[in-house]
Amino acid sequence: MLTEIDQNDDWLLDSEVQYRITKEDGQWEVSLLFMDIHDPKRFLIRYIGVYRTEKLARITGKIMTDLAARDPRGTQRVKKNAFNFCCN
């Protein structure tokens, strides 16, 4: 289901895009993950499709990431230390 982007979704223009592949019932499911580079707790996951092989899923994920990314060079990244985890 497609929804219209409202004013609160302006952060999507300045986000890092990655693909996620999961195995579900012998098939590979591809989703796109949009992460806000200024607030990494804000993210959005969009389902792309299901593929019969992992290779097809990876190819599709890479192509969709390149198409959806606002920055084709891939320089927008979420800081690795953005989350403070306690190891206790």
Protein backbone atom coordinates (compact mmCIF):
# COMPACT_ATOMS: atom_id res chain seq x y z
CA MET A 1 0.00 0.00 0.00
CA LEU A 2 1.46 3.35 -1.00
CA THR A 3 1.01 6.34 1.23
CA GLU A 4 1.59 10.00 0.53
CA ILE A 5 4.64 11.61 2.08
CA ASP A 6 3.56 14.28 4.52
CA GLN A 7 5.54 17.17 5.97
CA ASN A 8 6.88 15.00 8.81
CA ASP A 9 8.66 12.72 6.32
CA ASP A 10 11.12 15.37 5.10
CA TRP A 11 13.89 13.51 6.92
CA LEU A 12 13.71 10.81 4.22
CA LEU A 13 15.46 13.21 1.84
CA ASP A 14 18.50 13.18 4.14
CA SER A 15 18.73 9.51 5.11
CA GLU A 16 21.01 6.53 4.67
CA VAL A 17 19.52 3.68 2.65
CA GLN A 18 20.48 0.03 3.12
CA TYR A 19 18.88 -3.21 2.03
CA ARG A 20 17.97 -6.10 4.31
CA ILE A 21 17.65 -9.71 3.21
CA THR A 22 15.91 -12.35 5.32
CA LYS A 23 15.12 -15.98 4.56
CA GLU A 24 11.43 -16.80 4.86
CA ASP A 25 10.08 -20.28 4.04
CA GLY A 26 12.85 -21.08 1.54
CA GLN A 27 12.62 -17.73 -0.22
CA TRP A 28 14.61 -14.52 0.24
CA GLU A 29 12.74 -11.38 1.23
CA VAL A 30 14.22 -7.96 0.39
CA SER A 31 13.41 -4.77 2.29
CA LEU A 32 14.84 -1.26 2.19
CA LEU A 33 15.85 0.41 5.43
CA PHE A 34 15.86 4.22 5.55
CA MET A 35 17.75 5.67 8.56
CA ASP A 36 17.83 9.33 9.55
CA ILE A 37 21.49 10.41 9.74
CA HIS A 38 20.71 13.01 12.42
CA ASP A 39 18.47 10.82 14.61
CA PRO A 40 19.25 7.10 14.07
CA LYS A 41 16.30 6.08 16.25
CA ARG A 42 14.07 7.25 13.40
CA PHE A 43 13.94 4.70 10.61
CA LEU A 44 11.54 3.28 8.05
CA ILE A 45 11.42 -0.21 6.54
CA ARG A 46 9.80 -0.76 3.12
CA TYR A 47 9.12 -4.23 1.74
CA ILE A 48 10.44 -4.78 -1.82
CA GLY A 49 9.75 -8.39 -2.78
CA VAL A 50 10.52 -12.11 -2.46
CA TYR A 51 13.09 -13.93 -4.61
CA ARG A 52 13.92 -17.59 -5.08
CA THR A 53 17.71 -17.26 -4.65
CA GLU A 54 19.93 -15.21 -2.38
CA LYS A 55 21.90 -13.94 -5.38
CA LEU A 56 18.78 -12.46 -7.02
CA ALA A 57 17.79 -10.89 -3.71
CA ARG A 58 21.23 -9.26 -3.29
CA ILE A 59 21.20 -7.92 -6.86
CA THR A 60 17.72 -6.45 -6.36
CA GLY A 61 18.69 -4.99 -2.99
CA LYS A 62 21.76 -3.29 -4.44
CA ILE A 63 19.84 -1.86 -7.40
CA MET A 64 16.97 -0.61 -5.22
CA THR A 65 19.41 0.94 -2.74
CA ASP A 66 21.15 2.83 -5.53
CA LEU A 67 17.81 4.04 -6.91
CA ALA A 68 16.37 5.10 -3.55
CA ALA A 69 19.47 6.77 -2.15
CA ARG A 70 19.42 10.52 -2.42
CA ASP A 71 23.24 10.49 -2.34
CA PRO A 72 24.49 8.04 -5.02
CA ARG A 73 28.08 8.19 -3.72
CA GLY A 74 26.96 6.69 -0.43
CA THR A 75 28.62 9.30 1.76
CA GLN A 76 25.65 9.74 4.11
CA ARG A 77 26.14 7.34 6.99
CA VAL A 78 24.70 6.87 10.44
CA LYS A 79 27.42 7.13 13.09
CA LYS A 80 28.34 3.71 14.49
CA ASN A 81 28.43 5.08 18.04
CA ALA A 82 24.99 6.72 17.77
CA PHE A 83 23.50 4.14 20.14
CA ASN A 84 24.90 3.88 23.65
CA PHE A 85 24.70 0.20 24.59
CA CYS A 86 25.57 -0.99 28.07
CA CYS A 87 27.44 -4.31 27.96
CA ASN A 88 26.46 -5.25 31.54
